[in-house]
C-alpha atoms as a PDB file:
ATOM      1  CA  MET A   1      98.457  56.243 130.747  1.00  0.00           C
ATOM      2  CA  GLN A   2      96.789  57.205 134.051  1.00  0.00           C
ATOM      3  CA  GLN A   3      93.105  56.306 133.952  1.00  0.00           C
ATOM      4  CA  SER A   4      90.614  59.195 134.836  1.00  0.00           C
ATOM      5  CA  VAL A   5      89.036  59.354 138.126  1.00  0.00           C
ATOM      6  CA  ASN A   6      85.426  59.504 137.228  1.00  0.00           C
ATOM      7  CA  ILE A   7      82.981  60.369 140.128  1.00  0.00           C
ATOM      8  CA  LEU A   8      78.960  59.354 139.515  1.00  0.00           C
ATOM      9  CA  ALA A   9      77.326  61.801 142.045  1.00  0.00           C
ATOM     10  CA  ILE A  10      73.724  61.257 143.354  1.00  0.00           C
ATOM     11  CA  GLU A  11      71.527  64.339 144.861  1.00  0.00           C
ATOM     12  CA  SER A  12      67.997  63.519 145.933  1.00  0.00           C
ATOM     13  CA  SER A  13      68.066  65.518 149.252  1.00  0.00           C
ATOM     14  CA  CYS A  14      64.726  67.480 148.849  1.00  0.00           C
ATOM     15  CA  ASP A  15      62.446  67.514 145.866  1.00  0.00           C
ATOM     16  CA  ASP A  16      64.995  67.382 142.818  1.00  0.00           C
ATOM     17  CA  THR A  17      66.245  64.133 141.575  1.00  0.00           C
ATOM     18  CA  SER A  18      70.075  65.118 140.358  1.00  0.00           C
ATOM     19  CA  ALA A  19      72.971  62.962 138.572  1.00  0.00           C
ATOM     20  CA  ALA A  20      76.523  63.930 137.682  1.00  0.00           C
ATOM     21  CA  VAL A  21      79.447  63.408 136.629  1.00  0.00           C
ATOM     22  CA  ILE A  22      83.034  65.002 137.435  1.00  0.00           C
ATOM     23  CA  SER A  23      86.127  63.536 135.815  1.00  0.00           C
ATOM     24  CA  ASP A  24      89.562  64.804 137.005  1.00  0.00           C
ATOM     25  CA  GLY A  25      87.922  67.725 138.199  1.00  0.00           C
ATOM     26  CA  LEU A  26      85.867  68.752 135.595  1.00  0.00           C
ATOM     27  CA  LEU A  27      82.428  68.822 134.987  1.00  0.00           C
ATOM     28  CA  ARG A  28      80.911  66.192 132.098  1.00  0.00           C
ATOM     29  CA  SER A  29      77.364  66.056 132.780  1.00  0.00           C
ATOM     30  CA  ASN A  30      74.633  67.456 135.505  1.00  0.00           C
ATOM     31  CA  VAL A  31      70.934  66.277 134.605  1.00  0.00           C
ATOM     32  CA  ILE A  32      68.285  67.468 137.213  1.00  0.00           C
ATOM     33  CA  ALA A  33      64.369  66.083 137.180  1.00  0.00           C
ATOM     34  CA  SER A  34      62.309  68.671 138.907  1.00  0.00           C
ATOM     35  CA  GLN A  35      59.053  67.564 140.774  1.00  0.00           C
ATOM     36  CA  THR A  36      56.210  69.615 139.765  1.00  0.00           C
ATOM     37  CA  VAL A  37      53.657  67.583 141.742  1.00  0.00           C
ATOM     38  CA  HIS A  38      54.317  69.668 145.057  1.00  0.00           C
ATOM     39  CA  GLU A  39      52.902  73.113 143.284  1.00  0.00           C
ATOM     40  CA  GLU A  40      49.400  72.717 144.081  1.00  0.00           C
ATOM     41  CA  TYR A  41      50.314  72.182 147.571  1.00  0.00           C
ATOM     42  CA  GLY A  42      52.357  75.319 148.164  1.00  0.00           C
ATOM     43  CA  GLY A  43      55.145  73.400 149.477  1.00  0.00           C
ATOM     44  CA  VAL A  44      57.158  69.676 149.465  1.00  0.00           C
ATOM     45  CA  VAL A  45      55.479  66.936 150.391  1.00  0.00           C
ATOM     46  CA  PRO A  46      57.733  64.506 151.759  1.00  0.00           C
ATOM     47  CA  GLU A  47      55.631  61.049 150.671  1.00  0.00           C
ATOM     48  CA  LEU A  48      55.388  62.685 147.212  1.00  0.00           C
ATOM     49  CA  ALA A  49      58.801  63.558 146.858  1.00  0.00           C
ATOM     50  CA  SER A  50      60.280  59.984 147.886  1.00  0.00           C
ATOM     51  CA  ARG A  51      58.018  58.355 145.413  1.00  0.00           C
ATOM     52  CA  ALA A  52      58.948  60.776 142.444  1.00  0.00           C
ATOM     53  CA  HIS A  53      62.761  59.968 143.590  1.00  0.00           C
ATOM     54  CA  GLN A  54      62.031  56.568 142.913  1.00  0.00           C
ATOM     55  CA  GLN A  55      60.891  57.148 139.441  1.00  0.00           C
ATOM     56  CA  ASN A  56      63.398  59.295 138.273  1.00  0.00           C
ATOM     57  CA  ILE A  57      66.658  58.137 139.740  1.00  0.00           C
ATOM     58  CA  VAL A  58      67.563  55.512 137.166  1.00  0.00           C
ATOM     59  CA  PRO A  59      66.863  57.252 134.154  1.00  0.00           C
ATOM     60  CA  VAL A  60      68.518  60.357 135.498  1.00  0.00           C
ATOM     61  CA  VAL A  61      71.860  58.415 135.961  1.00  0.00           C
ATOM     62  CA  ASP A  62      71.451  56.666 132.460  1.00  0.00           C
ATOM     63  CA  ALA A  63      71.289  60.227 131.345  1.00  0.00           C
ATOM     64  CA  ALA A  64      74.189  61.684 133.035  1.00  0.00           C
ATOM     65  CA  LEU A  65      76.465  58.478 132.098  1.00  0.00           C
ATOM     66  CA  LYS A  66      75.447  59.099 128.527  1.00  0.00           C
ATOM     67  CA  ARG A  67      75.983  62.662 128.500  1.00  0.00           C
ATOM     68  CA  ALA A  68      79.455  62.137 129.747  1.00  0.00           C
ATOM     69  CA  GLY A  69      80.324  59.520 127.164  1.00  0.00           C
ATOM     70  CA  LEU A  70      81.056  56.745 129.754  1.00  0.00           C
ATOM     71  CA  GLN A  71      79.584  53.543 130.653  1.00  0.00           C
ATOM     72  CA  PRO A  72      78.835  52.090 134.471  1.00  0.00           C
ATOM     73  CA  ALA A  73      82.306  50.284 134.118  1.00  0.00           C
ATOM     74  CA  ASP A  74      84.074  53.525 134.046  1.00  0.00           C
ATOM     75  CA  ILE A  75      82.861  54.975 137.340  1.00  0.00           C
ATOM     76  CA  SER A  76      85.960  55.322 139.707  1.00  0.00           C
ATOM     77  CA  ALA A  77      83.074  55.998 142.840  1.00  0.00           C
ATOM     78  CA  ILE A  78      79.749  57.163 143.773  1.00  0.00           C
ATOM     79  CA  ALA A  79      79.472  60.379 145.571  1.00  0.00           C
ATOM     80  CA  PHE A  80      75.645  60.716 147.394  1.00  0.00           C
ATOM     81  CA  THR A  81      74.070  62.965 149.513  1.00  0.00           C
ATOM     82  CA  ARG A  82      73.907  61.803 153.135  1.00  0.00           C
ATOM     83  CA  GLY A  83      71.988  64.677 154.399  1.00  0.00           C
ATOM     84  CA  PRO A  84      70.627  66.786 155.599  1.00  0.00           C
ATOM     85  CA  GLY A  85      67.315  66.674 153.984  1.00  0.00           C
ATOM     86  CA  LEU A  86      64.168  64.701 153.717  1.00  0.00           C
ATOM     87  CA  LEU A  87      64.898  61.383 155.129  1.00  0.00           C
ATOM     88  CA  GLY A  88      62.462  59.264 152.608  1.00  0.00           C
ATOM     89  CA  SER A  89      64.141  61.264 149.725  1.00  0.00           C
ATOM     90  CA  LEU A  90      67.872  60.640 150.905  1.00  0.00           C
ATOM     91  CA  LEU A  91      67.174  56.740 151.465  1.00  0.00           C
ATOM     92  CA  VAL A  92      66.189  56.627 148.107  1.00  0.00           C
ATOM     93  CA  GLY A  93      69.340  58.105 146.797  1.00  0.00           C
ATOM     94  CA  THR A  94      71.867  56.170 149.807  1.00  0.00           C
ATOM     95  CA  SER A  95      69.897  53.117 148.776  1.00  0.00           C
ATOM     96  CA  PHE A  96      70.733  53.048 144.983  1.00  0.00           C
ATOM     97  CA  ALA A  97      74.472  54.283 145.542  1.00  0.00           C
ATOM     98  CA  LYS A  98      74.940  51.195 147.827  1.00  0.00           C
ATOM     99  CA  GLY A  99      73.535  49.053 145.369  1.00  0.00           C
ATOM    100  CA  LEU A 100      75.474  50.524 142.499  1.00  0.00           C
ATOM    101  CA  SER A 101      78.449  50.552 144.257  1.00  0.00           C
ATOM    102  CA  LEU A 102      78.217  46.487 145.321  1.00  0.00           C
ATOM    103  CA  ALA A 103      77.189  45.766 141.589  1.00  0.00           C
ATOM    104  CA  LEU A 104      80.030  47.787 140.114  1.00  0.00           C
ATOM    105  CA  ARG A 105      82.683  47.072 142.903  1.00  0.00           C
ATOM    106  CA  VAL A 106      83.540  50.717 143.445  1.00  0.00           C
ATOM    107  CA  PRO A 107      84.104  52.701 146.554  1.00  0.00           C
ATOM    108  CA  MET A 108      80.946  55.427 148.144  1.00  0.00           C
ATOM    109  CA  VAL A 109      81.765  58.680 149.326  1.00  0.00           C
ATOM    110  CA  ASP A 110      79.148  60.492 151.496  1.00  0.00           C
ATOM    111  CA  VAL A 111      78.645  64.063 151.219  1.00  0.00           C
ATOM    112  CA  ASN A 112      77.248  66.799 153.311  1.00  0.00           C
ATOM    113  CA  HIS A 113      74.566  68.676 151.197  1.00  0.00           C
ATOM    114  CA  LEU A 114      75.829  71.892 152.841  1.00  0.00           C
ATOM    115  CA  HIS A 115      79.259  71.353 151.761  1.00  0.00           C
ATOM    116  CA  GLY A 116      78.216  70.776 148.488  1.00  0.00           C
ATOM    117  CA  HIS A 117      76.856  74.190 148.174  1.00  0.00           C
ATOM    118  CA  VAL A 118      79.700  75.554 149.915  1.00  0.00           C
ATOM    119  CA  LEU A 119      81.856  73.980 147.479  1.00  0.00           C
ATOM    120  CA  SER A 120      80.144  74.491 144.180  1.00  0.00           C
ATOM    121  CA  HIS A 121      82.497  77.322 143.320  1.00  0.00           C
ATOM    122  CA  PHE A 122      84.842  74.396 142.597  1.00  0.00           C
ATOM    123  CA  ILE A 123      83.170  73.171 139.688  1.00  0.00           C
ATOM    124  CA  LYS A 124      84.760  73.458 136.673  1.00  0.00           C
ATOM    125  CA  GLU A 125      83.509  73.148 133.438  1.00  0.00           C
ATOM    126  CA  THR A 126      86.809  74.106 131.541  1.00  0.00           C
ATOM    127  CA  PRO A 127      90.408  73.779 133.580  1.00  0.00           C
ATOM    128  CA  GLU A 128      90.381  77.762 133.086  1.00  0.00           C
ATOM    129  CA  ASP A 129      87.477  78.091 135.586  1.00  0.00           C
ATOM    130  CA  GLU A 130      88.581  80.430 138.238  1.00  0.00           C
ATOM    131  CA  VAL A 131      87.757  79.130 141.951  1.00  0.00           C
ATOM    132  CA  PRO A 132      88.205  80.856 145.503  1.00  0.00           C
ATOM    133  CA  GLU A 133      91.749  80.674 147.382  1.00  0.00           C
ATOM    134  CA  PHE A 134      91.409  79.672 150.710  1.00  0.00           C
ATOM    135  CA  PRO A 135      90.428  80.994 153.357  1.00  0.00           C
ATOM    136  CA  PHE A 136      87.357  82.519 151.934  1.00  0.00           C
ATOM    137  CA  ILE A 137      83.782  83.505 153.769  1.00  0.00           C
ATOM    138  CA  CYS A 138      80.758  81.597 152.180  1.00  0.00           C
ATOM    139  CA  LEU A 139      76.942  83.095 152.682  1.00  0.00           C
ATOM    140  CA  LEU A 140      75.210  80.054 152.642  1.00  0.00           C
ATOM    141  CA  ILE A 141      71.362  81.007 151.964  1.00  0.00           C
ATOM    142  CA  SER A 142      68.670  78.742 151.122  1.00  0.00           C
ATOM    143  CA  GLY A 143      65.241  77.827 151.895  1.00  0.00           C
ATOM    144  CA  GLY A 144      66.326  75.830 155.090  1.00  0.00           C
ATOM    145  CA  ASN A 145      69.674  77.540 155.953  1.00  0.00           C
ATOM    146  CA  SER A 146      71.334  80.878 156.688  1.00  0.00           C
ATOM    147  CA  GLN A 147      74.764  80.372 157.942  1.00  0.00           C
ATOM    148  CA  LEU A 148      78.077  82.694 157.324  1.00  0.00           C
ATOM    149  CA  ILE A 149      81.007  80.016 157.114  1.00  0.00           C
ATOM    150  CA  LEU A 150      84.779  80.484 157.250  1.00  0.00           C
ATOM    151  CA  VAL A 151      85.849  77.930 154.741  1.00  0.00           C
ATOM    152  CA  LYS A 152      89.778  77.062 155.589  1.00  0.00           C
ATOM    153  CA  SER A 153      89.822  74.102 153.346  1.00  0.00           C
ATOM    154  CA  TYR A 154      87.794  71.496 151.472  1.00  0.00           C
ATOM    155  CA  LYS A 155      87.001  69.872 155.008  1.00  0.00           C
ATOM    156  CA  ASP A 156      87.509  72.605 157.436  1.00  0.00           C
ATOM    157  CA  MET A 157      84.860  75.267 157.900  1.00  0.00           C
ATOM    158  CA  GLU A 158      83.651  77.086 160.574  1.00  0.00           C
ATOM    159  CA  ILE A 159      80.360  78.455 161.398  1.00  0.00           C
ATOM    160  CA  LEU A 160      80.579  81.807 162.125  1.00  0.00           C
ATOM    161  CA  GLY A 161      76.939  82.656 162.253  1.00  0.00           C
ATOM    162  CA  ARG A 162      73.397  80.923 161.254  1.00  0.00           C
ATOM    163  CA  THR A 163      69.803  81.332 161.642  1.00  0.00           C
ATOM    164  CA  ILE A 164      68.019  81.245 164.825  1.00  0.00           C
ATOM    165  CA  ASP A 165      64.714  80.504 163.445  1.00  0.00           C
ATOM    166  CA  ASP A 166      63.743  81.233 159.969  1.00  0.00           C
ATOM    167  CA  ALA A 167      65.904  81.105 157.004  1.00  0.00           C
ATOM    168  CA  ALA A 168      66.366  83.794 154.100  1.00  0.00           C
ATOM    169  CA  GLY A 169      64.419  81.285 151.815  1.00  0.00           C
ATOM    170  CA  GLU A 170      61.658  80.796 154.132  1.00  0.00           C
ATOM    171  CA  ALA A 171      60.633  84.400 154.724  1.00  0.00           C
ATOM    172  CA  PHE A 172      60.685  84.747 150.644  1.00  0.00           C
ATOM    173  CA  ASP A 173      58.312  81.661 150.397  1.00  0.00           C
ATOM    174  CA  LYS A 174      55.838  82.219 153.268  1.00  0.00           C
ATOM    175  CA  CYS A 175      55.660  85.918 152.464  1.00  0.00           C
ATOM    176  CA  ALA A 176      54.840  85.195 149.030  1.00  0.00           C
ATOM    177  CA  LYS A 177      52.140  82.536 150.304  1.00  0.00           C
ATOM    178  CA  VAL A 178      50.555  84.700 152.065  1.00  0.00           C
ATOM    179  CA  MET A 179      50.584  87.169 148.775  1.00  0.00           C
ATOM    180  CA  GLY A 180      48.779  84.580 147.002  1.00  0.00           C
ATOM    181  CA  LEU A 181      51.910  83.657 144.824  1.00  0.00           C
ATOM    182  CA  PRO A 182      52.764  80.257 143.393  1.00  0.00           C
ATOM    183  CA  TYR A 183      55.314  77.793 145.144  1.00  0.00           C
ATOM    184  CA  PRO A 184      57.790  77.958 145.068  1.00  0.00           C
ATOM    185  CA  GLY A 185      57.751  81.816 145.969  1.00  0.00           C
ATOM    186  CA  GLY A 186      61.282  83.239 146.087  1.00  0.00           C
ATOM    187  CA  PRO A 187      61.746  83.466 142.344  1.00  0.00           C
ATOM    188  CA  HIS A 188      58.023  85.434 141.933  1.00  0.00           C
ATOM    189  CA  ILE A 189      59.190  87.804 144.561  1.00  0.00           C
ATOM    190  CA  ASP A 190      62.338  88.035 142.524  1.00  0.00           C
ATOM    191  CA  ARG A 191      60.745  89.040 139.602  1.00  0.00           C
ATOM    192  CA  LEU A 192      58.037  91.270 141.124  1.00  0.00           C
ATOM    193  CA  ALA A 193      61.063  93.203 143.085  1.00  0.00           C
ATOM    194  CA  ALA A 194      62.553  94.382 139.657  1.00  0.00           C
ATOM    195  CA  GLU A 195      59.391  96.489 139.210  1.00  0.00           C
ATOM    196  CA  GLY A 196      58.434  97.671 142.220  1.00  0.00           C
ATOM    197  CA  GLU A 197      59.985 100.518 144.587  1.00  0.00           C
ATOM    198  CA  ALA A 198      61.971  99.509 147.165  1.00  0.00           C
ATOM    199  CA  LYS A 199      61.641 102.197 149.659  1.00  0.00           C
ATOM    200  CA  ARG A 200      57.837 101.937 149.721  1.00  0.00           C
ATOM    201  CA  PHE A 201      57.381  99.685 153.086  1.00  0.00           C
ATOM    202  CA  LYS A 202      59.325  99.353 155.847  1.00  0.00           C
ATOM    203  CA  PHE A 203      59.520  96.010 157.740  1.00  0.00           C
ATOM    204  CA  ALA A 204      61.114  95.071 160.956  1.00  0.00           C
ATOM    205  CA  LYS A 205      64.776  94.482 161.186  1.00  0.00           C
ATOM    206  CA  PRO A 206      66.025  91.997 163.676  1.00  0.00           C
ATOM    207  CA  HIS A 207      68.661  92.980 166.289  1.00  0.00           C
ATOM    208  CA  ILE A 208      70.298  89.921 167.011  1.00  0.00           C
ATOM    209  CA  PRO A 209      73.671  89.789 168.910  1.00  0.00           C
ATOM    210  CA  GLY A 210      76.928  88.451 166.972  1.00  0.00           C
ATOM    211  CA  LEU A 211      76.655  87.065 163.411  1.00  0.00           C
ATOM    212  CA  ASP A 212      73.385  84.968 163.797  1.00  0.00           C
ATOM    213  CA  TYR A 213      70.473  85.687 162.169  1.00  0.00           C
ATOM    214  CA  SER A 214      66.689  85.589 162.334  1.00  0.00           C
ATOM    215  CA  PHE A 215      64.087  86.468 160.156  1.00  0.00           C
ATOM    216  CA  SER A 216      61.090  85.405 161.593  1.00  0.00           C
ATOM    217  CA  GLY A 217      60.294  89.040 162.903  1.00  0.00           C
ATOM    218  CA  LEU A 218      60.345  90.201 159.325  1.00  0.00           C
ATOM    219  CA  LYS A 219      57.975  87.676 158.574  1.00  0.00           C
ATOM    220  CA  THR A 220      55.471  88.652 160.919  1.00  0.00           C
ATOM    221  CA  SER A 221      56.017  92.457 160.314  1.00  0.00           C
ATOM    222  CA  PHE A 222      55.056  91.548 156.929  1.00  0.00           C
ATOM    223  CA  LEU A 223      52.105  89.642 157.682  1.00  0.00           C
ATOM    224  CA  TYR A 224      50.855  92.513 159.829  1.00  0.00           C
ATOM    225  CA  THR A 225      51.394  95.057 157.112  1.00  0.00           C
ATOM    226  CA  LEU A 226      49.155  93.182 154.750  1.00  0.00           C
ATOM    227  CA  ARG A 227      46.700  92.067 157.537  1.00  0.00           C
ATOM    228  CA  ASP A 228      46.185  95.872 158.410  1.00  0.00           C
ATOM    229  CA  ASN A 229      46.124  97.371 154.893  1.00  0.00           C
ATOM    230  CA  VAL A 230      43.514  94.789 153.835  1.00  0.00           C
ATOM    231  CA  LYS A 231      41.419  95.639 156.296  1.00  0.00           C
ATOM    232  CA  VAL A 232      41.202  98.941 154.723  1.00  0.00           C
ATOM    233  CA  ASP A 233      41.423  97.920 151.128  1.00  0.00           C
ATOM    234  CA  PRO A 234      40.825  94.266 150.039  1.00  0.00           C
ATOM    235  CA  ASP A 235      42.456  94.614 146.879  1.00  0.00           C
ATOM    236  CA  PHE A 236      45.690  96.129 148.466  1.00  0.00           C
ATOM    237  CA  ILE A 237      47.837  93.329 147.975  1.00  0.00           C
ATOM    238  CA  ALA A 238      46.893  92.978 143.987  1.00  0.00           C
ATOM    239  CA  LYS A 239      47.629  96.725 143.920  1.00  0.00           C
ATOM    240  CA  ASN A 240      50.916  96.914 145.692  1.00  0.00           C
ATOM    241  CA  GLN A 241      52.529  93.573 144.711  1.00  0.00           C
ATOM    242  CA  ALA A 242      55.432  95.043 143.140  1.00  0.00           C
ATOM    243  CA  ASP A 243      56.361  97.281 146.014  1.00  0.00           C
ATOM    244  CA  LEU A 244      55.837  94.702 148.697  1.00  0.00           C
ATOM    245  CA  ALA A 245      58.136  92.174 146.800  1.00  0.00           C
ATOM    246  CA  ALA A 246      60.603  95.080 146.438  1.00  0.00           C
ATOM    247  CA  SER A 247      60.747  96.009 150.127  1.00  0.00           C
ATOM    248  CA  LEU A 248      60.811  92.712 151.065  1.00  0.00           C
ATOM    249  CA  GLN A 249      63.603  91.756 149.398  1.00  0.00           C
ATOM    250  CA  LYS A 250      65.629  94.895 149.997  1.00  0.00           C
ATOM    251  CA  THR A 251      65.070  94.125 154.039  1.00  0.00           C
ATOM    252  CA  ILE A 252      66.045  90.702 153.716  1.00  0.00           C
ATOM    253  CA  ILE A 253      69.377  91.586 151.584  1.00  0.00           C
ATOM    254  CA  ASP A 254      69.857  94.531 154.350  1.00  0.00           C
ATOM    255  CA  ILE A 255      70.091  91.842 156.744  1.00  0.00           C
ATOM    256  CA  LEU A 256      71.912  89.445 154.985  1.00  0.00           C
ATOM    257  CA  LEU A 257      74.875  91.650 154.091  1.00  0.00           C
ATOM    258  CA  ASP A 258      74.825  93.674 157.607  1.00  0.00           C
ATOM    259  CA  LYS A 259      76.000  90.222 159.236  1.00  0.00           C
ATOM    260  CA  LEU A 260      78.445  89.539 156.282  1.00  0.00           C
ATOM    261  CA  ASP A 261      80.266  92.752 156.706  1.00  0.00           C
ATOM    262  CA  LYS A 262      80.442  92.091 160.223  1.00  0.00           C
ATOM    263  CA  ALA A 263      82.101  88.726 159.543  1.00  0.00           C
ATOM    264  CA  VAL A 264      84.078  90.227 157.189  1.00  0.00           C
ATOM    265  CA  LYS A 265      85.517  93.017 159.227  1.00  0.00           C
ATOM    266  CA  GLN A 266      86.220  90.397 162.078  1.00  0.00           C
ATOM    267  CA  THR A 267      87.882  87.784 160.187  1.00  0.00           C
ATOM    268  CA  GLY A 268      90.098  90.017 157.887  1.00  0.00           C
ATOM    269  CA  VAL A 269      89.199  87.492 154.929  1.00  0.00           C
ATOM    270  CA  THR A 270      89.173  89.387 151.534  1.00  0.00           C
ATOM    271  CA  THR A 271      87.126  86.862 149.677  1.00  0.00           C
ATOM    272  CA  VAL A 272      83.257  86.562 149.660  1.00  0.00           C
ATOM    273  CA  ALA A 273      81.297  83.493 148.102  1.00  0.00           C
ATOM    274  CA  ILE A 274      77.431  82.896 148.091  1.00  0.00           C
ATOM    275  CA  GLY A 275      75.558  79.633 147.579  1.00  0.00           C
ATOM    276  CA  GLY A 276      72.373  77.836 148.342  1.00  0.00           C
ATOM    277  CA  GLY A 277      69.232  78.639 146.288  1.00  0.00           C
ATOM    278  CA  VAL A 278      68.665  82.359 147.481  1.00  0.00           C
ATOM    279  CA  SER A 279      71.735  82.902 145.770  1.00  0.00           C
ATOM    280  CA  ALA A 280      70.004  83.005 142.432  1.00  0.00           C
ATOM    281  CA  ASN A 281      67.840  86.084 143.688  1.00  0.00           C
ATOM    282  CA  SER A 282      68.880  88.873 141.418  1.00  0.00           C
ATOM    283  CA  GLY A 283      68.930  91.337 144.131  1.00  0.00           C
ATOM    284  CA  VAL A 284      71.102  89.234 146.194  1.00  0.00           C
ATOM    285  CA  ARG A 285      73.536  88.596 143.738  1.00  0.00           C
ATOM    286  CA  GLN A 286      73.948  92.670 142.984  1.00  0.00           C
ATOM    287  CA  ALA A 287      73.988  93.710 146.511  1.00  0.00           C
ATOM    288  CA  VAL A 288      77.009  91.252 147.300  1.00  0.00           C
ATOM    289  CA  ALA A 289      78.785  92.128 144.156  1.00  0.00           C
ATOM    290  CA  GLU A 290      78.511  95.714 144.831  1.00  0.00           C
ATOM    291  CA  TYR A 291      79.596  95.106 148.353  1.00  0.00           C
ATOM    292  CA  CYS A 292      82.518  93.259 147.488  1.00  0.00           C
ATOM    293  CA  ALA A 293      83.588  95.993 144.780  1.00  0.00           C
ATOM    294  CA  ALA A 294      83.024  98.648 147.185  1.00  0.00           C
ATOM    295  CA  ASN A 295      85.331  97.288 149.944  1.00  0.00           C
ATOM    296  CA  GLY A 296      88.161  95.751 147.830  1.00  0.00           C
ATOM    297  CA  LEU A 297      87.137  92.194 148.171  1.00  0.00           C
ATOM    298  CA  LYS A 298      87.262  89.217 145.768  1.00  0.00           C
ATOM    299  CA  ALA A 299      83.568  88.073 144.722  1.00  0.00           C
ATOM    300  CA  PHE A 300      82.228  84.477 143.729  1.00  0.00           C
ATOM    301  CA  ILE A 301      78.803  84.483 142.475  1.00  0.00           C
ATOM    302  CA  PRO A 302      77.864  81.043 141.295  1.00  0.00           C
ATOM    303  CA  GLN A 303      76.097  80.216 138.143  1.00  0.00           C
ATOM    304  CA  ARG A 304      72.312  80.014 138.896  1.00  0.00           C
ATOM    305  CA  LYS A 305      72.407  76.308 137.691  1.00  0.00           C
ATOM    306  CA  PHE A 306      74.466  75.509 140.477  1.00  0.00           C
ATOM    307  CA  THR A 307      72.639  77.486 143.227  1.00  0.00           C
ATOM    308  CA  THR A 308      69.761  74.973 143.762  1.00  0.00           C
ATOM    309  CA  ASP A 309      70.111  71.332 144.453  1.00  0.00           C
ATOM    310  CA  ASN A 310      72.230  69.609 141.782  1.00  0.00           C
ATOM    311  CA  ALA A 311      74.499  66.822 141.760  1.00  0.00           C
ATOM    312  CA  ALA A 312      77.506  68.668 140.202  1.00  0.00           C
ATOM    313  CA  MET A 313      78.027  69.845 143.964  1.00  0.00           C
ATOM    314  CA  VAL A 314      77.729  66.565 145.595  1.00  0.00           C
ATOM    315  CA  GLY A 315      80.417  65.532 142.527  1.00  0.00           C
ATOM    316  CA  ILE A 316      82.882  68.158 143.342  1.00  0.00           C
ATOM    317  CA  ALA A 317      82.895  67.525 147.127  1.00  0.00           C
ATOM    318  CA  GLY A 318      82.982  63.644 146.501  1.00  0.00           C
ATOM    319  CA  TYR A 319      86.007  64.110 144.333  1.00  0.00           C
ATOM    320  CA  PHE A 320      88.176  65.795 146.869  1.00  0.00           C
ATOM    321  CA  LYS A 321      87.129  63.271 149.538  1.00  0.00           C
ATOM    322  CA  TYR A 322      88.013  60.380 146.813  1.00  0.00           C
ATOM    323  CA  LEU A 323      91.408  61.984 146.353  1.00  0.00           C
ATOM    324  CA  ASP A 324      91.613  61.872 150.376  1.00  0.00           C
ATOM    325  CA  LYS A 325      90.364  57.960 150.227  1.00  0.00           C
ATOM    326  CA  ASP A 326      87.878  59.200 152.474  1.00  0.00           C
ATOM    327  CA  PHE A 327      85.254  56.487 151.378  1.00  0.00           C
ATOM    328  CA  CYS A 328      81.741  55.546 153.368  1.00  0.00           C
ATOM    329  CA  ARG A 329      80.895  52.245 155.016  1.00  0.00           C
ATOM    330  CA  TYR A 330      77.770  50.199 153.483  1.00  0.00           C
ATOM    331  CA  ASP A 331      76.158  50.624 157.152  1.00  0.00           C
ATOM    332  CA  ALA A 332      76.142  54.534 156.647  1.00  0.00           C
ATOM    333  CA  ALA A 333      72.567  55.885 157.202  1.00  0.00           C
ATOM    334  CA  PRO A 334      71.075  58.856 156.141  1.00  0.00           C
ATOM    335  CA  PHE A 335      70.253  61.962 158.396  1.00  0.00           C
ATOM    336  CA  ALA A 336      67.860  64.982 158.682  1.00  0.00           C
ATOM    337  CA  ARG A 337      69.558  67.320 160.118  1.00  0.00           C
ATOM    338  CA  VAL A 338      73.307  68.266 160.728  1.00  0.00           C
ATOM    339  CA  THR A 339      75.530  71.388 160.617  1.00  0.00           C
ATOM    340  CA  VAL A 340      78.219  72.182 158.311  1.00  0.00           C
END
């Protein structure tokens, strides 16, 4: 009887410590320990994040193995996020993966965090789960990245366009912060937008050639709108939170879909997927689904639990690399920045 391929995956790129187990391509467990310590600072504090990873990584890995019903000796390989991300956080995951790999005498597989988001659509919880066919376009949208990617295979990805300044997630979070909303601001904008009038306020849209994105002008326009109106009415933000959120969200969606439509027409690809933390946004999910339906395209919208940083996406990316025997050396160092 052929032995199962069991991949233990570790994700520690930012402020979530996560471990997952992928067995023969199927997800067996996915455990995430989120850090609340950053909320009072309005953003992630790198030193605090790395310390929290040190505290969380052993119990998180232990929980992932137990939920999968496996022992350490059953592990075939260890997949870990090598980058991009916060160096201190990545060092914790990388060091743990190296130590465990040496102790168990199993190979390591290093995973590009962005590849993980793209390949999250291949996470299967049952053998019947549908996955995209190659090629497809992935709109990768998160706090640090906004990219349009032509995905030709598990390891062949071409960036068609990327942000030249702020990412979509940054625009959500920074605008939410000046509205006085808690960190992270994106989910609060999403909640308020459902109650607001999206046509109430008009914000600037960029005119960037090609398929690249820009959100800095939108952010500036939003700030000027608040500044000018608060001078007249100090309670302006409190009175108009929902409409501001809805108008901001619609503007970001319009910017995203404009470039996505251009990419679809340029490539002729008929399958579209979204990924990254901003793909959890209700408005984005609905807009992409409606766009695809109206244009005869196949849409892949990830489950929300696979949109944020999680080890399941690292595990499936690592599983494909393991099958190719694409292993990682022990002298591999984490990296903070990289493109797909």
